[in-house]
């Protein structure tokens, strides 16, 4: 029987650990349903395999015990909303892994709009903000039945995920700020350059004498060099 502290695994690991097709399918399921790891996928696959195995065994039997077991399986799957009323035993073989993942508490909390993402739904369940039939359920993998009623503790503030509109508005505001800052910087640069150019021009004009002053000076020099009439 074993020690209750060390229970046996309730799932089977894949026989081929490096199968690319299986790995891609499992990764897509983890992203879609917000699962923690692949162990949750393997548990669901093992549960589906169990029902399929029992169904195949019961399809070839017609005694009283098998009829009773057929009714029990159909009643249980109908209670989990996996089969419709009046379904037959062959319909069990049409179930998939996503059929069971769609009945998880985490998935239904997200689909009912209580949480914005599957990850947020998982956080709310683990933190004890979700109640099923008035009692707190902290297991995201809990399979809901048709009679279960899910409620949310509205007194607790939930972290909101920013919507696309809010993100776009923030981007627009940041872009406008950047454009204004760039305009200010460019204006300051232009003003500085204009000041430098004007200062350089003034310096050059101060160094260069006007042409009229030069001509006057040259005439004075010429007049000084010419001797006066009536001299030697």
C-alpha atoms as a PDB file:
ATOM      1  CA  UNK A   1       0.000   0.000   0.000  1.00  0.00           C
ATOM      2  CA  UNK A   2       2.845   2.397   0.765  1.00  0.00           C
ATOM      3  CA  UNK A   3       3.302   5.406   2.980  1.00  0.00           C
ATOM      4  CA  UNK A   4       0.521   8.038   2.654  1.00  0.00           C
ATOM      5  CA  UNK A   5       3.193  10.750   2.680  1.00  0.00           C
ATOM      6  CA  UNK A   6       4.712   9.305  -0.483  1.00  0.00           C
ATOM      7  CA  UNK A   7       1.771   8.627  -2.738  1.00  0.00           C
ATOM      8  CA  UNK A   8       2.107   7.045  -6.131  1.00  0.00           C
ATOM      9  CA  UNK A   9       2.060   9.138  -9.245  1.00  0.00           C
ATOM     10  CA  UNK A  10      -1.395   9.674 -10.726  1.00  0.00           C
ATOM     11  CA  UNK A  11      -0.085  10.226 -14.217  1.00  0.00           C
ATOM     12  CA  UNK A  12       2.150   8.633 -16.818  1.00  0.00           C
ATOM     13  CA  UNK A  13       5.121  10.385 -18.353  1.00  0.00           C
ATOM     14  CA  UNK A  14       5.649  10.266 -22.150  1.00  0.00           C
ATOM     15  CA  UNK A  15       7.538   7.292 -23.516  1.00  0.00           C
ATOM     16  CA  UNK A  16       9.429   9.483 -26.011  1.00  0.00           C
ATOM     17  CA  UNK A  17      10.719  12.536 -24.122  1.00  0.00           C
ATOM     18  CA  UNK A  18      12.056  14.305 -27.245  1.00  0.00           C
ATOM     19  CA  UNK A  19       9.066  14.063 -29.583  1.00  0.00           C
ATOM     20  CA  UNK A  20       8.826  17.455 -31.316  1.00  0.00           C
ATOM     21  CA  UNK A  21       5.140  17.156 -32.242  1.00  0.00           C
ATOM     22  CA  UNK A  22       4.118  16.243 -28.694  1.00  0.00           C
ATOM     23  CA  UNK A  23       6.248  19.024 -27.198  1.00  0.00           C
ATOM     24  CA  UNK A  24       4.693  21.693 -29.428  1.00  0.00           C
ATOM     25  CA  UNK A  25       1.166  20.482 -28.612  1.00  0.00           C
ATOM     26  CA  UNK A  26       1.872  20.520 -24.870  1.00  0.00           C
ATOM     27  CA  UNK A  27       3.395  24.002 -25.044  1.00  0.00           C
ATOM     28  CA  UNK A  28       0.320  25.322 -26.854  1.00  0.00           C
ATOM     29  CA  UNK A  29      -1.977  23.814 -24.191  1.00  0.00           C
ATOM     30  CA  UNK A  30       0.101  25.363 -21.401  1.00  0.00           C
ATOM     31  CA  UNK A  31      -0.142  28.821 -22.991  1.00  0.00           C
ATOM     32  CA  UNK A  32      -3.842  28.517 -23.836  1.00  0.00           C
ATOM     33  CA  UNK A  33      -5.066  27.299 -20.421  1.00  0.00           C
ATOM     34  CA  UNK A  34      -2.418  28.960 -18.211  1.00  0.00           C
ATOM     35  CA  UNK A  35      -1.048  25.709 -16.801  1.00  0.00           C
ATOM     36  CA  UNK A  36       1.880  25.677 -14.406  1.00  0.00           C
ATOM     37  CA  UNK A  37       3.885  22.925 -16.108  1.00  0.00           C
ATOM     38  CA  UNK A  38       3.540  19.857 -18.311  1.00  0.00           C
ATOM     39  CA  UNK A  39       2.711  17.685 -15.328  1.00  0.00           C
ATOM     40  CA  UNK A  40      -0.831  19.098 -15.396  1.00  0.00           C
ATOM     41  CA  UNK A  41      -1.145  18.123 -19.058  1.00  0.00           C
ATOM     42  CA  UNK A  42       0.063  14.592 -18.311  1.00  0.00           C
ATOM     43  CA  UNK A  43      -2.427  14.239 -15.435  1.00  0.00           C
ATOM     44  CA  UNK A  44      -5.300  15.212 -17.732  1.00  0.00           C
ATOM     45  CA  UNK A  45      -4.085  12.824 -20.421  1.00  0.00           C
ATOM     46  CA  UNK A  46      -3.929   9.984 -17.865  1.00  0.00           C
ATOM     47  CA  UNK A  47      -7.482  10.756 -16.723  1.00  0.00           C
ATOM     48  CA  UNK A  48      -8.710  10.672 -20.315  1.00  0.00           C
ATOM     49  CA  UNK A  49      -6.849   7.403 -20.921  1.00  0.00           C
ATOM     50  CA  UNK A  50      -8.519   5.847 -17.882  1.00  0.00           C
ATOM     51  CA  UNK A  51     -12.027   6.615 -19.121  1.00  0.00           C
ATOM     52  CA  UNK A  52     -11.198   5.384 -22.614  1.00  0.00           C
ATOM     53  CA  UNK A  53      -9.738   2.136 -21.293  1.00  0.00           C
ATOM     54  CA  UNK A  54     -12.795   1.446 -19.137  1.00  0.00           C
ATOM     55  CA  UNK A  55     -15.095   2.294 -22.040  1.00  0.00           C
ATOM     56  CA  UNK A  56     -13.370  -0.160 -24.381  1.00  0.00           C
ATOM     57  CA  UNK A  57     -13.693  -2.920 -21.792  1.00  0.00           C
ATOM     58  CA  UNK A  58     -17.381  -2.217 -21.220  1.00  0.00           C
ATOM     59  CA  UNK A  59     -18.310  -2.050 -24.905  1.00  0.00           C
ATOM     60  CA  UNK A  60     -17.884  -5.794 -25.293  1.00  0.00           C
ATOM     61  CA  UNK A  61     -19.901  -6.774 -22.199  1.00  0.00           C
ATOM     62  CA  UNK A  62     -23.652  -6.971 -21.601  1.00  0.00           C
ATOM     63  CA  UNK A  63     -24.004  -8.382 -18.079  1.00  0.00           C
ATOM     64  CA  UNK A  64     -25.659  -6.554 -15.203  1.00  0.00           C
ATOM     65  CA  UNK A  65     -22.405  -5.325 -13.679  1.00  0.00           C
ATOM     66  CA  UNK A  66     -21.166  -3.817 -16.958  1.00  0.00           C
ATOM     67  CA  UNK A  67     -24.546  -2.132 -17.557  1.00  0.00           C
ATOM     68  CA  UNK A  68     -24.366  -0.620 -14.093  1.00  0.00           C
ATOM     69  CA  UNK A  69     -20.821   0.624 -14.700  1.00  0.00           C
ATOM     70  CA  UNK A  70     -21.862   2.113 -18.052  1.00  0.00           C
ATOM     71  CA  UNK A  71     -24.595   4.108 -16.361  1.00  0.00           C
ATOM     72  CA  UNK A  72     -22.176   5.329 -13.685  1.00  0.00           C
ATOM     73  CA  UNK A  73     -19.628   6.571 -16.227  1.00  0.00           C
ATOM     74  CA  UNK A  74     -22.247   8.319 -18.355  1.00  0.00           C
ATOM     75  CA  UNK A  75     -23.830   9.898 -15.281  1.00  0.00           C
ATOM     76  CA  UNK A  76     -20.471  11.138 -14.017  1.00  0.00           C
ATOM     77  CA  UNK A  77     -19.397  12.605 -17.346  1.00  0.00           C
ATOM     78  CA  UNK A  78     -22.798  14.237 -17.771  1.00  0.00           C
ATOM     79  CA  UNK A  79     -22.443  15.777 -14.316  1.00  0.00           C
ATOM     80  CA  UNK A  80     -19.078  17.229 -15.391  1.00  0.00           C
ATOM     81  CA  UNK A  81     -20.721  18.667 -18.547  1.00  0.00           C
ATOM     82  CA  UNK A  82     -18.454  16.548 -20.724  1.00  0.00           C
ATOM     83  CA  UNK A  83     -21.374  14.659 -22.306  1.00  0.00           C
ATOM     84  CA  UNK A  84     -24.912  15.688 -23.167  1.00  0.00           C
ATOM     85  CA  UNK A  85     -28.006  14.040 -21.781  1.00  0.00           C
ATOM     86  CA  UNK A  86     -28.851  10.836 -23.630  1.00  0.00           C
ATOM     87  CA  UNK A  87     -25.266  10.255 -24.800  1.00  0.00           C
ATOM     88  CA  UNK A  88     -24.062   6.734 -25.444  1.00  0.00           C
ATOM     89  CA  UNK A  89     -20.954   4.942 -24.280  1.00  0.00           C
ATOM     90  CA  UNK A  90     -19.268   5.374 -27.674  1.00  0.00           C
ATOM     91  CA  UNK A  91     -19.343   9.159 -27.166  1.00  0.00           C
ATOM     92  CA  UNK A  92     -16.767   8.788 -24.405  1.00  0.00           C
ATOM     93  CA  UNK A  93     -14.180   7.895 -27.040  1.00  0.00           C
ATOM     94  CA  UNK A  94     -14.718  11.263 -28.756  1.00  0.00           C
ATOM     95  CA  UNK A  95     -13.532  13.225 -25.712  1.00  0.00           C
ATOM     96  CA  UNK A  96     -10.169  15.002 -25.904  1.00  0.00           C
ATOM     97  CA  UNK A  97      -7.688  16.515 -23.470  1.00  0.00           C
ATOM     98  CA  UNK A  98      -9.133  19.970 -24.118  1.00  0.00           C
ATOM     99  CA  UNK A  99     -12.584  18.698 -23.111  1.00  0.00           C
ATOM    100  CA  UNK A 100     -11.267  18.092 -19.574  1.00  0.00           C
ATOM    101  CA  UNK A 101      -9.094  21.225 -19.516  1.00  0.00           C
ATOM    102  CA  UNK A 102     -12.152  23.287 -20.417  1.00  0.00           C
ATOM    103  CA  UNK A 103     -13.927  22.173 -17.224  1.00  0.00           C
ATOM    104  CA  UNK A 104     -11.128  23.286 -14.886  1.00  0.00           C
ATOM    105  CA  UNK A 105     -11.928  25.962 -12.343  1.00  0.00           C
ATOM    106  CA  UNK A 106      -9.094  28.124 -13.665  1.00  0.00           C
ATOM    107  CA  UNK A 107     -10.427  27.999 -17.219  1.00  0.00           C
ATOM    108  CA  UNK A 108     -14.027  28.797 -16.277  1.00  0.00           C
ATOM    109  CA  UNK A 109     -12.994  31.700 -14.026  1.00  0.00           C
ATOM    110  CA  UNK A 110     -11.232  33.212 -17.020  1.00  0.00           C
ATOM    111  CA  UNK A 111     -13.999  32.453 -19.533  1.00  0.00           C
ATOM    112  CA  UNK A 112     -16.707  33.912 -17.255  1.00  0.00           C
ATOM    113  CA  UNK A 113     -14.891  37.256 -17.158  1.00  0.00           C
ATOM    114  CA  UNK A 114     -13.901  37.164 -13.492  1.00  0.00           C
ATOM    115  CA  UNK A 115     -10.218  37.300 -14.483  1.00  0.00           C
ATOM    116  CA  UNK A 116      -8.611  38.978 -17.461  1.00  0.00           C
ATOM    117  CA  UNK A 117      -6.039  36.250 -18.185  1.00  0.00           C
ATOM    118  CA  UNK A 118      -5.647  32.547 -17.303  1.00  0.00           C
ATOM    119  CA  UNK A 119      -2.627  33.447 -15.201  1.00  0.00           C
ATOM    120  CA  UNK A 120      -4.634  35.959 -13.195  1.00  0.00           C
ATOM    121  CA  UNK A 121      -7.387  33.355 -12.719  1.00  0.00           C
ATOM    122  CA  UNK A 122      -4.832  30.930 -11.284  1.00  0.00           C
ATOM    123  CA  UNK A 123      -3.506  33.589  -8.913  1.00  0.00           C
ATOM    124  CA  UNK A 124      -6.994  34.444  -7.658  1.00  0.00           C
ATOM    125  CA  UNK A 125      -7.784  30.770  -6.989  1.00  0.00           C
ATOM    126  CA  UNK A 126      -4.523  30.063  -5.159  1.00  0.00           C
ATOM    127  CA  UNK A 127      -4.941  33.195  -3.001  1.00  0.00           C
ATOM    128  CA  UNK A 128      -8.411  32.061  -1.924  1.00  0.00           C
ATOM    129  CA  UNK A 129     -10.513  34.711  -3.689  1.00  0.00           C
ATOM    130  CA  UNK A 130     -12.714  32.171  -5.518  1.00  0.00           C
ATOM    131  CA  UNK A 131     -15.466  30.186  -3.812  1.00  0.00           C
ATOM    132  CA  UNK A 132     -17.345  27.157  -5.100  1.00  0.00           C
ATOM    133  CA  UNK A 133     -20.738  26.559  -3.466  1.00  0.00           C
ATOM    134  CA  UNK A 134     -19.763  28.940  -0.659  1.00  0.00           C
ATOM    135  CA  UNK A 135     -16.459  27.255   0.156  1.00  0.00           C
ATOM    136  CA  UNK A 136     -12.973  28.395  -0.810  1.00  0.00           C
ATOM    137  CA  UNK A 137     -11.267  26.176  -3.396  1.00  0.00           C
ATOM    138  CA  UNK A 138      -7.546  26.697  -3.904  1.00  0.00           C
ATOM    139  CA  UNK A 139      -7.016  24.034  -6.594  1.00  0.00           C
ATOM    140  CA  UNK A 140      -6.959  25.473 -10.139  1.00  0.00           C
ATOM    141  CA  UNK A 141      -7.402  21.939 -11.540  1.00  0.00           C
ATOM    142  CA  UNK A 142     -10.745  21.411  -9.767  1.00  0.00           C
ATOM    143  CA  UNK A 143     -13.318  20.064 -12.269  1.00  0.00           C
ATOM    144  CA  UNK A 144     -16.608  21.903 -11.984  1.00  0.00           C
ATOM    145  CA  UNK A 145     -19.935  20.103 -12.229  1.00  0.00           C
ATOM    146  CA  UNK A 146     -23.237  21.384 -13.567  1.00  0.00           C
ATOM    147  CA  UNK A 147     -24.500  22.139 -10.073  1.00  0.00           C
ATOM    148  CA  UNK A 148     -21.450  24.061  -8.846  1.00  0.00           C
ATOM    149  CA  UNK A 149     -21.809  27.799  -8.308  1.00  0.00           C
ATOM    150  CA  UNK A 150     -18.679  29.931  -8.549  1.00  0.00           C
ATOM    151  CA  UNK A 151     -18.505  33.205  -6.612  1.00  0.00           C
ATOM    152  CA  UNK A 152     -15.850  35.874  -6.303  1.00  0.00           C
ATOM    153  CA  UNK A 153     -14.854  37.830  -3.205  1.00  0.00           C
ATOM    154  CA  UNK A 154     -15.420  41.375  -4.489  1.00  0.00           C
ATOM    155  CA  UNK A 155     -13.922  42.991  -1.389  1.00  0.00           C
ATOM    156  CA  UNK A 156     -10.457  42.032  -2.606  1.00  0.00           C
ATOM    157  CA  UNK A 157      -8.831  44.330  -5.117  1.00  0.00           C
ATOM    158  CA  UNK A 158      -7.630  42.472  -8.177  1.00  0.00           C
ATOM    159  CA  UNK A 159      -4.603  43.580 -10.159  1.00  0.00           C
ATOM    160  CA  UNK A 160      -5.906  44.908 -13.453  1.00  0.00           C
ATOM    161  CA  UNK A 161      -4.158  44.138 -16.702  1.00  0.00           C
ATOM    162  CA  UNK A 162      -3.823  47.299 -18.851  1.00  0.00           C
ATOM    163  CA  UNK A 163      -6.093  47.288 -21.859  1.00  0.00           C
ATOM    164  CA  UNK A 164      -4.946  47.913 -25.394  1.00  0.00           C
ATOM    165  CA  UNK A 165      -6.547  51.378 -25.461  1.00  0.00           C
ATOM    166  CA  UNK A 166      -4.719  52.483 -22.311  1.00  0.00           C
ATOM    167  CA  UNK A 167      -1.415  51.269 -23.688  1.00  0.00           C
ATOM    168  CA  UNK A 168      -1.964  53.120 -26.971  1.00  0.00           C
ATOM    169  CA  UNK A 169      -2.861  56.352 -25.159  1.00  0.00           C
ATOM    170  CA  UNK A 170       0.280  56.117 -23.030  1.00  0.00           C
ATOM    171  CA  UNK A 171       2.351  55.571 -26.155  1.00  0.00           C
ATOM    172  CA  UNK A 172       0.796  58.612 -27.813  1.00  0.00           C
ATOM    173  CA  UNK A 173       1.493  60.800 -24.762  1.00  0.00           C
ATOM    174  CA  UNK A 174       5.104  59.644 -24.620  1.00  0.00           C
ATOM    175  CA  UNK A 175       5.552  60.273 -28.358  1.00  0.00           C
ATOM    176  CA  UNK A 176       4.131  63.808 -28.051  1.00  0.00           C
ATOM    177  CA  UNK A 177       6.480  64.537 -25.134  1.00  0.00           C
ATOM    178  CA  UNK A 178       9.476  63.286 -27.095  1.00  0.00           C
ATOM    179  CA  UNK A 179       8.533  65.423 -30.124  1.00  0.00           C
ATOM    180  CA  UNK A 180       8.162  68.538 -27.953  1.00  0.00           C
ATOM    181  CA  UNK A 181      11.505  67.933 -26.274  1.00  0.00           C
ATOM    182  CA  UNK A 182      13.201  67.450 -29.640  1.00  0.00           C
ATOM    183  CA  UNK A 183      11.659  70.712 -30.904  1.00  0.00           C
ATOM    184  CA  UNK A 184      12.910  72.584 -27.830  1.00  0.00           C
ATOM    185  CA  UNK A 185      16.408  71.189 -28.246  1.00  0.00           C
ATOM    186  CA  UNK A 186      16.492  72.079 -31.945  1.00  0.00           C
ATOM    187  CA  UNK A 187      15.254  75.632 -31.217  1.00  0.00           C
ATOM    188  CA  UNK A 188      17.928  76.138 -28.550  1.00  0.00           C
ATOM    189  CA  UNK A 189      20.603  74.905 -30.959  1.00  0.00           C
ATOM    190  CA  UNK A 190      19.422  77.272 -33.697  1.00  0.00           C
ATOM    191  CA  UNK A 191      19.434  80.249 -31.311  1.00  0.00           C
ATOM    192  CA  UNK A 192      22.966  79.430 -30.153  1.00  0.00           C
ATOM    193  CA  UNK A 193      24.213  79.046 -33.696  1.00  0.00           C
ATOM    194  CA  UNK A 194      22.648  82.377 -34.705  1.00  0.00           C
ATOM    195  CA  UNK A 195      24.288  84.063 -31.721  1.00  0.00           C
ATOM    196  CA  UNK A 196      27.684  82.609 -32.640  1.00  0.00           C
ATOM    197  CA  UNK A 197      27.348  83.701 -36.267  1.00  0.00           C
ATOM    198  CA  UNK A 198      26.371  87.242 -35.270  1.00  0.00           C
ATOM    199  CA  UNK A 199      29.271  87.483 -32.813  1.00  0.00           C
ATOM    200  CA  UNK A 200      31.745  86.288 -35.461  1.00  0.00           C
ATOM    201  CA  UNK A 201      30.427  88.854 -37.928  1.00  0.00           C
ATOM    202  CA  UNK A 202      30.785  91.675 -35.400  1.00  0.00           C
ATOM    203  CA  UNK A 203      34.362  90.672 -34.640  1.00  0.00           C
ATOM    204  CA  UNK A 204      35.259  90.597 -38.318  1.00  0.00           C
ATOM    205  CA  UNK A 205      33.624  93.959 -38.947  1.00  0.00           C
ATOM    206  CA  UNK A 206      35.484  95.434 -36.001  1.00  0.00           C
ATOM    207  CA  UNK A 207      38.818  94.177 -37.339  1.00  0.00           C
ATOM    208  CA  UNK A 208      38.212  95.292 -40.899  1.00  0.00           C
ATOM    209  CA  UNK A 209      38.304  99.034 -41.397  1.00  0.00           C
ATOM    210  CA  UNK A 210      35.889 100.624 -43.812  1.00  0.00           C
ATOM    211  CA  UNK A 211      37.140 101.555 -47.269  1.00  0.00           C
ATOM    212  CA  UNK A 212      36.610 105.315 -46.760  1.00  0.00           C
ATOM    213  CA  UNK A 213      38.933 105.380 -43.735  1.00  0.00           C
ATOM    214  CA  UNK A 214      41.591 103.515 -45.721  1.00  0.00           C
ATOM    215  CA  UNK A 215      41.363 105.984 -48.627  1.00  0.00           C
ATOM    216  CA  UNK A 216      41.673 108.995 -46.268  1.00  0.00           C
ATOM    217  CA  UNK A 217      44.755 107.504 -44.635  1.00  0.00           C
ATOM    218  CA  UNK A 218      46.389 106.797 -47.999  1.00  0.00           C
ATOM    219  CA  UNK A 219      45.735 110.390 -49.187  1.00  0.00           C
ATOM    220  CA  UNK A 220      47.296 111.743 -46.015  1.00  0.00           C
ATOM    221  CA  UNK A 221      50.428 109.635 -46.558  1.00  0.00           C
ATOM    222  CA  UNK A 222      50.712 110.762 -50.169  1.00  0.00           C
ATOM    223  CA  UNK A 223      50.335 114.451 -49.210  1.00  0.00           C
ATOM    224  CA  UNK A 224      53.037 114.131 -46.590  1.00  0.00           C
ATOM    225  CA  UNK A 225      55.517 112.627 -49.053  1.00  0.00           C
ATOM    226  CA  UNK A 226      54.989 115.357 -51.741  1.00  0.00           C
ATOM    227  CA  UNK A 227      57.279 118.403 -51.041  1.00  0.00           C
ATOM    228  CA  UNK A 228      55.713 121.829 -50.775  1.00  0.00           C
ATOM    229  CA  UNK A 229      56.181 124.341 -53.625  1.00  0.00           C
ATOM    230  CA  UNK A 230      58.942 126.991 -53.187  1.00  0.00           C
ATOM    231  CA  UNK A 231      61.237 124.686 -51.273  1.00  0.00           C
ATOM    232  CA  UNK A 232      64.811 123.745 -52.230  1.00  0.00           C
END
